[in-house]
Amino acid sequence: MATRIVLIILDSVGIGEVEDSHLYGDEGSNTLKNTAQAVGGLSLPNLENLGLGNIEDVMGVNPNYNAIGSYGKMKPKSSGKDTTTGHWELMDIVLEKPFPTYPNGFPSEIIDKFEKRIKRKTLGNVVASGTVIIEELGEEHIKTGFPIVYTSADSVFQIAAHEEIIPIEQLYSMCQTAREILQGEHGVGRVIARPFLGSPGSFFRTDNRQDYSLKPTESVLNKLKEANIKVIGVGKIEDIFVGRGIDQSYPIKNNADGIEKIIDLVKANTNNELIFANLIDFDQLYGHRNDPKGYAQALEEFDKSLEDILNRLKSDDILIITADHGCDPTTPSTDHSREYVPLLIYGEKLKANINIGTRDTFGDLGVTIADIFNVNYNSNNGKSFYSLIK
């Protein structure tokens, strides 16, 4: 049994459109491949060594027929393509019905109730880019003190507020109020606090973002915890699972901070734990802003840090790298894309260079993690691939 698993989610690093991508308007999306082509190729030697180039033809990333890791890709089975849906499915929660979205803004029954609870009016209530809407409404927000409410193609209720107008704790309280209201048929995947600073013409979002997800049903994480396997969340993992099945959490400011946290945790001489990390910059800073150059740079920076992580793994440790959805920065859309996600697995005591194929659900990963830890877990969705690599 592995003493420790390090699971790193490269947020939005998809690897090709799924067969039903046309239902989501995502035909032609391939976050990794299209980003590489847009910048003339990627330099990812450590991911290449793990077998990334064996999964998909990515410019600059060669196939490696002596890969030190095993490789494959996973197909989303849940309805939807948002962060919560993807992460939940990774831990074997499959959603038959997608979280609700609001392409025309939220209905008056929601906004009226929210305004009554927070005792002030709101601005916006439209589908918008977070950086654009604070430029458009930021000045009015400062004058009135009214929070800016907006959404996207994802199932989110986002509240933006200037930290000097609505203090952080007050913004968080407003988000908790919205979360209480948004249940049942209006149960969006996440309510998100989007604080910002600056002045008109130079507003900027701060690192004090906070997510408030719906509470998930029981997942692999709960079973790990019951079996005394410690689960440590890095980044927004605790928010996504509302703390369920999480023993310890380390919030992060950005990818560099997250990588530093991962390395610190890997350096610790611990056993029987899952380090479950999300690195968000790919999605938040580059995918949604259609910035393939920034996306490529973030991938290359992660790859450089990967060598340090690999060198610090213990002989019984297992490293797993995957994603939760796509967000192709080269398409006209600024939204998530319905894509397969790559899957790379490495451990000194695992088989190397094994093609684990295309998995029918992200849930195969969660079931495999339970299997690796020898935790009794029965799934109606996922299938373990541990026997292929142990």
Protein backbone atom coordinates (compact mmCIF):
# COMPACT_ATOMS: atom_id res chain seq x y z
CA MET A 1 0.00 0.00 0.00
CA ALA A 2 1.21 3.42 -0.84
CA THR A 3 2.02 5.50 2.18
CA ARG A 4 1.03 8.71 0.45
CA ILE A 5 -0.64 9.96 -2.74
CA VAL A 6 0.03 13.43 -4.15
CA LEU A 7 -2.86 14.39 -6.44
CA ILE A 8 -2.38 17.61 -8.43
CA ILE A 9 -5.24 19.11 -10.43
CA LEU A 10 -4.05 21.40 -13.21
CA ASP A 11 -7.25 23.44 -13.30
CA SER A 12 -8.71 23.47 -16.84
CA VAL A 13 -5.85 21.67 -18.63
CA GLY A 14 -8.10 19.65 -20.93
CA ILE A 15 -6.80 17.44 -23.72
CA GLY A 16 -9.47 17.35 -26.43
CA GLU A 17 -13.19 17.69 -27.07
CA VAL A 18 -15.54 14.98 -25.87
CA GLU A 19 -18.04 13.43 -28.28
CA ASP A 20 -20.90 15.46 -26.81
CA SER A 21 -18.97 18.77 -26.88
CA HIS A 22 -21.34 20.10 -29.55
CA LEU A 23 -24.07 20.17 -26.89
CA TYR A 24 -21.94 22.69 -25.01
CA GLY A 25 -20.76 24.71 -28.01
CA ASP A 26 -17.20 23.42 -27.55
CA GLU A 27 -16.42 21.77 -30.88
CA GLY A 28 -12.72 22.02 -31.69
CA SER A 29 -11.61 22.66 -28.11
CA ASN A 30 -8.33 21.12 -27.05
CA THR A 31 -6.79 23.27 -24.35
CA LEU A 32 -3.35 21.65 -24.27
CA LYS A 33 -2.87 21.01 -27.98
CA ASN A 34 -4.27 24.35 -29.16
CA THR A 35 -2.27 26.31 -26.59
CA ALA A 36 0.92 24.60 -27.77
CA GLN A 37 0.16 25.40 -31.41
CA ALA A 38 -0.69 29.01 -30.59
CA VAL A 39 2.76 29.63 -29.07
CA GLY A 40 4.81 27.50 -31.47
CA GLY A 41 5.27 24.58 -29.09
CA LEU A 42 5.64 23.86 -25.38
CA SER A 43 8.73 22.82 -23.44
CA LEU A 44 7.52 20.34 -20.81
CA PRO A 45 10.38 17.84 -20.34
CA ASN A 46 9.22 16.46 -16.99
CA LEU A 47 5.62 15.95 -18.11
CA GLU A 48 7.01 14.44 -21.32
CA ASN A 49 9.08 12.04 -19.22
CA LEU A 50 5.91 10.98 -17.40
CA GLY A 51 4.21 10.21 -20.72
CA LEU A 52 2.16 13.30 -21.60
CA GLY A 53 3.18 13.13 -25.27
CA ASN A 54 1.84 9.57 -25.46
CA ILE A 55 -1.71 10.77 -24.74
CA GLU A 56 -2.07 13.46 -27.41
CA ASP A 57 -0.03 15.04 -30.18
CA VAL A 58 1.12 18.24 -28.45
CA MET A 59 3.58 20.47 -30.29
CA GLY A 60 6.93 20.40 -28.49
CA VAL A 61 5.99 17.43 -26.28
CA ASN A 62 7.31 14.23 -27.84
CA PRO A 63 6.02 10.72 -27.31
CA ASN A 64 8.20 8.86 -24.80
CA TYR A 65 8.36 5.13 -25.32
CA ASN A 66 10.31 4.73 -22.08
CA ALA A 67 8.03 6.91 -19.98
CA ILE A 68 8.61 6.66 -16.24
CA GLY A 69 4.89 7.07 -15.58
CA SER A 70 1.65 5.52 -16.75
CA TYR A 71 -0.71 7.60 -18.83
CA GLY A 72 -4.19 7.89 -20.26
CA LYS A 73 -7.14 10.24 -20.34
CA MET A 74 -10.54 10.43 -18.68
CA LYS A 75 -13.96 11.27 -20.07
CA PRO A 76 -16.45 13.35 -18.09
CA LYS A 77 -19.60 11.39 -17.31
CA SER A 78 -21.43 14.08 -15.33
CA SER A 79 -23.60 16.69 -16.98
CA GLY A 80 -21.80 20.02 -16.91
CA LYS A 81 -18.26 21.33 -17.29
CA ASP A 82 -17.63 23.42 -14.20
CA THR A 83 -15.06 23.18 -11.43
CA THR A 84 -17.37 21.65 -8.84
CA THR A 85 -18.75 19.05 -11.25
CA GLY A 86 -15.25 18.04 -12.36
CA HIS A 87 -13.75 17.75 -8.89
CA TRP A 88 -16.77 15.92 -7.50
CA GLU A 89 -16.60 13.39 -10.34
CA LEU A 90 -12.89 12.86 -9.68
CA MET A 91 -13.99 11.68 -6.24
CA ASP A 92 -16.75 9.53 -7.80
CA ILE A 93 -19.78 11.83 -7.46
CA VAL A 94 -21.48 11.76 -10.87
CA LEU A 95 -24.18 14.37 -11.54
CA GLU A 96 -27.07 13.27 -13.75
CA LYS A 97 -28.41 16.83 -13.94
CA PRO A 98 -26.16 19.87 -14.42
CA PHE A 99 -26.11 22.74 -11.96
CA PRO A 100 -28.43 25.57 -13.12
CA THR A 101 -27.03 28.41 -15.22
CA TYR A 102 -28.46 31.88 -15.82
CA PRO A 103 -27.63 33.24 -19.30
CA ASN A 104 -30.14 36.07 -18.78
CA GLY A 105 -29.15 36.88 -15.21
CA PHE A 106 -30.87 35.72 -12.04
CA PRO A 107 -34.66 35.92 -11.72
CA SER A 108 -36.21 38.66 -9.59
CA GLU A 109 -37.28 36.12 -6.96
CA ILE A 110 -33.58 35.47 -6.25
CA ILE A 111 -32.29 39.04 -6.50
CA ASP A 112 -35.20 40.51 -4.50
CA LYS A 113 -34.68 38.00 -1.71
CA PHE A 114 -30.93 38.61 -1.70
CA GLU A 115 -31.30 42.41 -1.60
CA LYS A 116 -33.81 42.17 1.21
CA ARG A 117 -31.46 39.97 3.25
CA ILE A 118 -28.38 42.19 2.78
CA LYS A 119 -30.46 45.39 3.13
CA ARG A 120 -29.13 47.09 0.01
CA LYS A 121 -29.61 47.06 -3.76
CA THR A 122 -27.27 45.31 -6.21
CA LEU A 123 -25.67 46.24 -9.52
CA GLY A 124 -25.24 44.15 -12.64
CA ASN A 125 -27.08 40.83 -12.58
CA VAL A 126 -25.69 39.95 -16.00
CA VAL A 127 -23.38 37.42 -17.62
CA ALA A 128 -19.97 39.06 -17.66
CA SER A 129 -16.22 38.76 -17.41
CA GLY A 130 -15.11 39.54 -13.87
CA THR A 131 -12.40 41.95 -14.94
CA VAL A 132 -14.67 43.74 -17.41
CA ILE A 133 -17.64 44.19 -15.08
CA ILE A 134 -15.62 45.87 -12.33
CA GLU A 135 -14.36 48.39 -14.88
CA GLU A 136 -17.92 48.99 -16.09
CA LEU A 137 -19.63 49.18 -12.69
CA GLY A 138 -16.79 49.75 -10.23
CA GLU A 139 -17.21 53.51 -10.05
CA GLU A 140 -20.98 53.24 -9.49
CA HIS A 141 -20.32 50.60 -6.85
CA ILE A 142 -17.99 53.00 -5.01
CA LYS A 143 -20.57 55.78 -5.12
CA THR A 144 -23.54 53.66 -4.01
CA GLY A 145 -22.00 50.87 -1.92
CA PHE A 146 -24.12 48.37 -3.86
CA PRO A 147 -22.35 45.03 -4.52
CA ILE A 148 -21.93 43.87 -8.13
CA VAL A 149 -23.69 40.59 -8.90
CA TYR A 150 -22.85 38.67 -12.06
CA THR A 151 -22.62 35.16 -13.48
CA SER A 152 -21.02 33.34 -16.41
CA ALA A 153 -21.70 30.30 -18.57
CA ASP A 154 -20.86 28.29 -15.44
CA SER A 155 -23.21 27.70 -12.54
CA VAL A 156 -21.97 30.57 -10.38
CA PHE A 157 -23.36 33.54 -8.43
CA GLN A 158 -20.47 35.98 -8.15
CA ILE A 159 -20.36 39.05 -5.92
CA ALA A 160 -17.72 41.69 -6.60
CA ALA A 161 -16.99 44.45 -4.10
CA HIS A 162 -14.20 46.95 -3.49
CA GLU A 163 -12.46 46.00 -0.24
CA GLU A 164 -12.51 49.63 0.97
CA ILE A 165 -16.25 49.94 0.32
CA ILE A 166 -17.46 46.55 1.52
CA PRO A 167 -14.94 44.97 3.92
CA ILE A 168 -13.89 41.40 3.21
CA GLU A 169 -15.76 39.82 6.11
CA GLN A 170 -18.94 41.64 5.10
CA LEU A 171 -18.55 40.41 1.51
CA TYR A 172 -18.07 36.87 2.79
CA SER A 173 -21.22 37.24 4.88
CA MET A 174 -23.14 38.34 1.78
CA CYS A 175 -21.88 35.25 -0.04
CA GLN A 176 -23.03 33.00 2.79
CA THR A 177 -26.46 34.66 2.57
CA ALA A 178 -26.58 34.02 -1.17
CA ARG A 179 -25.54 30.41 -0.59
CA GLU A 180 -28.46 29.95 1.85
CA ILE A 181 -30.87 31.34 -0.75
CA LEU A 182 -29.48 29.42 -3.72
CA GLN A 183 -30.71 25.93 -2.93
CA GLY A 184 -33.00 23.43 -4.64
CA GLU A 185 -33.84 24.35 -8.23
CA HIS A 186 -31.59 27.41 -7.91
CA GLY A 187 -28.73 25.48 -6.29
CA VAL A 188 -25.81 26.89 -8.28
CA GLY A 189 -22.52 25.04 -8.02
CA ARG A 190 -20.69 27.93 -6.39
CA VAL A 191 -21.21 31.35 -4.87
CA ILE A 192 -17.95 33.29 -5.26
CA ALA A 193 -16.65 36.36 -3.43
CA ARG A 194 -14.72 38.53 -5.90
CA PRO A 195 -13.06 41.37 -3.96
CA PHE A 196 -11.10 44.06 -5.78
CA LEU A 197 -9.10 47.23 -5.16
CA GLY A 198 -7.89 50.23 -7.14
CA SER A 199 -9.60 53.21 -8.73
CA PRO A 200 -11.62 53.76 -11.94
CA GLY A 201 -9.51 52.72 -14.90
CA SER A 202 -7.15 50.66 -12.77
CA PHE A 203 -9.29 48.25 -10.74
CA PHE A 204 -7.73 44.87 -9.97
CA ARG A 205 -8.99 41.74 -8.26
CA THR A 206 -7.25 40.69 -5.05
CA ASP A 207 -6.24 37.26 -3.76
CA ASN A 208 -9.08 37.23 -1.21
CA ARG A 209 -11.45 35.25 -3.41
CA GLN A 210 -13.61 32.76 -1.51
CA ASP A 211 -15.82 30.00 -2.94
CA TYR A 212 -19.00 28.66 -1.34
CA SER A 213 -19.99 25.38 -2.95
CA LEU A 214 -23.06 23.23 -2.55
CA LYS A 215 -22.51 20.43 -0.06
CA PRO A 216 -21.60 17.21 -1.87
CA THR A 217 -22.98 13.78 -1.18
CA GLU A 218 -20.63 11.15 0.23
CA SER A 219 -17.52 10.67 -1.87
CA VAL A 220 -14.26 8.74 -1.84
CA LEU A 221 -12.88 11.42 0.50
CA ASN A 222 -15.35 10.45 3.23
CA LYS A 223 -14.32 6.81 2.99
CA LEU A 224 -10.64 7.72 3.19
CA LYS A 225 -11.26 9.75 6.31
CA GLU A 226 -13.23 6.90 7.90
CA ALA A 227 -10.25 4.63 7.20
CA ASN A 228 -7.90 7.09 8.95
CA ILE A 229 -6.30 8.23 5.71
CA LYS A 230 -5.58 11.91 6.23
CA VAL A 231 -6.86 14.17 3.44
CA ILE A 232 -5.04 17.49 2.99
CA GLY A 233 -6.52 20.07 0.64
CA VAL A 234 -4.30 22.63 -1.09
CA GLY A 235 -5.96 25.56 -2.81
CA LYS A 236 -9.72 25.58 -3.23
CA ILE A 237 -10.26 21.85 -2.53
CA GLU A 238 -11.83 22.51 0.88
CA ASP A 239 -14.20 25.07 -0.66
CA ILE A 240 -15.25 22.71 -3.46
CA PHE A 241 -16.09 19.91 -1.04
CA VAL A 242 -17.32 22.27 1.71
CA GLY A 243 -14.85 20.61 4.06
CA ARG A 244 -16.48 17.18 3.72
CA GLY A 245 -13.79 14.52 3.94
CA ILE A 246 -11.03 17.12 4.37
CA ASP A 247 -8.86 16.97 7.49
CA GLN A 248 -6.59 19.92 6.85
CA SER A 249 -6.53 22.77 4.33
CA TYR A 250 -3.97 25.21 2.96
CA PRO A 251 -5.44 28.11 0.95
CA ILE A 252 -3.13 29.51 -1.73
CA LYS A 253 -2.71 32.82 -3.57
CA ASN A 254 -1.57 31.47 -6.94
CA ASN A 255 0.18 28.55 -8.65
CA ALA A 256 3.62 29.45 -7.26
CA ASP A 257 2.22 29.53 -3.73
CA GLY A 258 0.41 26.24 -4.32
CA ILE A 259 3.51 24.54 -5.66
CA GLU A 260 5.48 25.75 -2.64
CA LYS A 261 2.80 24.32 -0.32
CA ILE A 262 2.87 20.99 -2.17
CA ILE A 263 6.66 20.78 -1.91
CA ASP A 264 6.55 21.61 1.82
CA LEU A 265 3.98 18.86 2.38
CA VAL A 266 5.92 16.35 0.29
CA LYS A 267 9.09 17.12 2.26
CA ALA A 268 7.33 16.14 5.50
CA ASN A 269 7.94 12.53 6.47
CA THR A 270 4.28 11.50 6.67
CA ASN A 271 2.29 8.36 5.91
CA ASN A 272 -1.29 7.37 5.12
CA GLU A 273 -2.38 10.60 3.53
CA LEU A 274 -3.78 12.10 0.34
CA ILE A 275 -2.41 15.51 -0.61
CA PHE A 276 -5.15 16.87 -2.90
CA ALA A 277 -4.11 20.11 -4.62
CA ASN A 278 -5.68 22.46 -7.16
CA LEU A 279 -3.56 24.92 -9.15
CA ILE A 280 -5.96 27.55 -10.45
CA ASP A 281 -3.92 30.05 -12.48
CA PHE A 282 -4.26 28.12 -15.76
CA ASP A 283 -8.03 28.59 -15.65
CA GLN A 284 -8.53 31.84 -13.76
CA LEU A 285 -5.76 33.97 -15.24
CA TYR A 286 -5.28 32.57 -18.73
CA GLY A 287 -8.07 30.26 -19.93
CA HIS A 288 -10.93 32.62 -19.12
CA ARG A 289 -8.95 35.57 -20.50
CA ASN A 290 -8.06 33.87 -23.80
CA ASP A 291 -4.33 34.23 -23.12
CA PRO A 292 -2.51 31.24 -24.66
CA LYS A 293 0.90 32.82 -24.08
CA GLY A 294 0.24 33.17 -20.34
CA TYR A 295 -1.27 29.68 -20.28
CA ALA A 296 1.83 28.21 -21.92
CA GLN A 297 4.15 30.03 -19.54
CA ALA A 298 2.20 28.72 -16.54
CA LEU A 299 2.47 25.16 -17.88
CA GLU A 300 6.21 25.50 -18.36
CA GLU A 301 6.64 26.97 -14.88
CA PHE A 302 4.74 24.03 -13.39
CA ASP A 303 6.88 21.59 -15.36
CA LYS A 304 10.06 23.13 -13.94
CA SER A 305 8.75 22.74 -10.40
CA LEU A 306 7.72 19.16 -11.10
CA GLU A 307 11.33 18.00 -11.01
CA ASP A 308 11.62 19.18 -7.39
CA ILE A 309 8.39 17.39 -6.46
CA LEU A 310 9.51 14.15 -8.14
CA ASN A 311 12.91 14.24 -6.43
CA ARG A 312 11.31 14.57 -3.00
CA LEU A 313 8.86 11.67 -3.30
CA LYS A 314 9.45 8.70 -1.02
CA SER A 315 9.78 5.24 -2.53
CA ASP A 316 6.20 4.34 -1.53
CA ASP A 317 4.67 7.64 -2.72
CA ILE A 318 2.46 7.98 -5.78
CA LEU A 319 2.11 11.16 -7.83
CA ILE A 320 -1.03 11.70 -9.91
CA ILE A 321 -1.55 14.66 -12.27
CA THR A 322 -4.86 15.39 -13.98
CA ALA A 323 -7.43 18.16 -14.57
CA ASP A 324 -11.11 18.92 -13.96
CA HIS A 325 -12.31 20.26 -17.36
CA GLY A 326 -10.92 22.37 -20.20
CA CYS A 327 -10.75 26.13 -20.80
CA ASP A 328 -9.23 26.53 -24.26
CA PRO A 329 -7.67 30.01 -24.47
CA THR A 330 -7.56 29.89 -28.28
CA THR A 331 -11.31 29.68 -28.96
CA PRO A 332 -13.69 32.66 -29.11
CA SER A 333 -15.37 31.46 -25.92
CA THR A 334 -14.01 32.57 -22.53
CA ASP A 335 -15.83 29.75 -20.75
CA HIS A 336 -14.87 26.24 -19.69
CA SER A 337 -14.79 23.62 -22.44
CA ARG A 338 -16.15 20.07 -22.41
CA GLU A 339 -12.96 18.03 -22.73
CA TYR A 340 -11.18 14.87 -21.78
CA VAL A 341 -8.54 15.38 -19.10
CA PRO A 342 -5.02 13.92 -19.11
CA LEU A 343 -3.99 11.38 -16.49
CA LEU A 344 -0.38 10.78 -15.45
CA ILE A 345 0.61 8.44 -12.61
CA TYR A 346 4.10 7.84 -11.23
CA GLY A 347 5.47 5.84 -8.34
CA GLU A 348 8.82 4.16 -7.80
CA LYS A 349 7.05 0.90 -6.98
CA LEU A 350 4.49 1.13 -9.80
CA LYS A 351 4.85 -0.18 -13.33
CA ALA A 352 6.16 2.37 -15.81
CA ASN A 353 5.06 3.20 -19.36
CA ILE A 354 1.60 1.63 -19.06
CA ASN A 355 -1.18 3.00 -21.25
CA ILE A 356 -4.28 2.87 -19.05
CA GLY A 357 -6.40 3.97 -21.99
CA THR A 358 -9.45 6.20 -22.08
CA ARG A 359 -11.48 5.93 -18.88
CA ASP A 360 -15.26 6.24 -19.08
CA THR A 361 -15.49 8.56 -16.09
CA PHE A 362 -13.28 10.79 -13.97
CA GLY A 363 -14.60 8.66 -11.11
CA ASP A 364 -12.19 5.87 -12.06
CA LEU A 365 -9.49 7.97 -10.40
CA GLY A 366 -11.27 8.24 -7.05
CA VAL A 367 -12.05 4.53 -7.03
CA THR A 368 -8.41 3.76 -7.86
CA ILE A 369 -7.19 5.97 -5.01
CA ALA A 370 -9.44 4.04 -2.59
CA ASP A 371 -8.06 0.80 -4.03
CA ILE A 372 -4.44 1.95 -3.61
CA PHE A 373 -5.10 2.73 0.05
CA ASN A 374 -6.92 -0.62 0.43
CA VAL A 375 -10.08 1.17 1.54
CA ASN A 376 -13.35 -0.72 1.18
CA TYR A 377 -15.34 1.36 -1.29
CA ASN A 378 -18.17 0.25 -3.57
CA SER A 379 -18.88 2.42 -6.60
CA ASN A 380 -21.81 2.47 -9.00
CA ASN A 381 -19.83 4.55 -11.48
CA GLY A 382 -16.06 4.20 -11.47
CA LYS A 383 -13.69 1.27 -11.92
CA SER A 384 -10.23 0.97 -10.44
CA PHE A 385 -7.24 0.73 -12.80
CA TYR A 386 -4.80 -0.06 -9.97
CA SER A 387 -4.35 -3.66 -11.18
CA LEU A 388 -2.89 -2.34 -14.44
CA ILE A 389 -0.07 -0.42 -12.76
CA LYS A 390 0.75 -2.09 -9.44
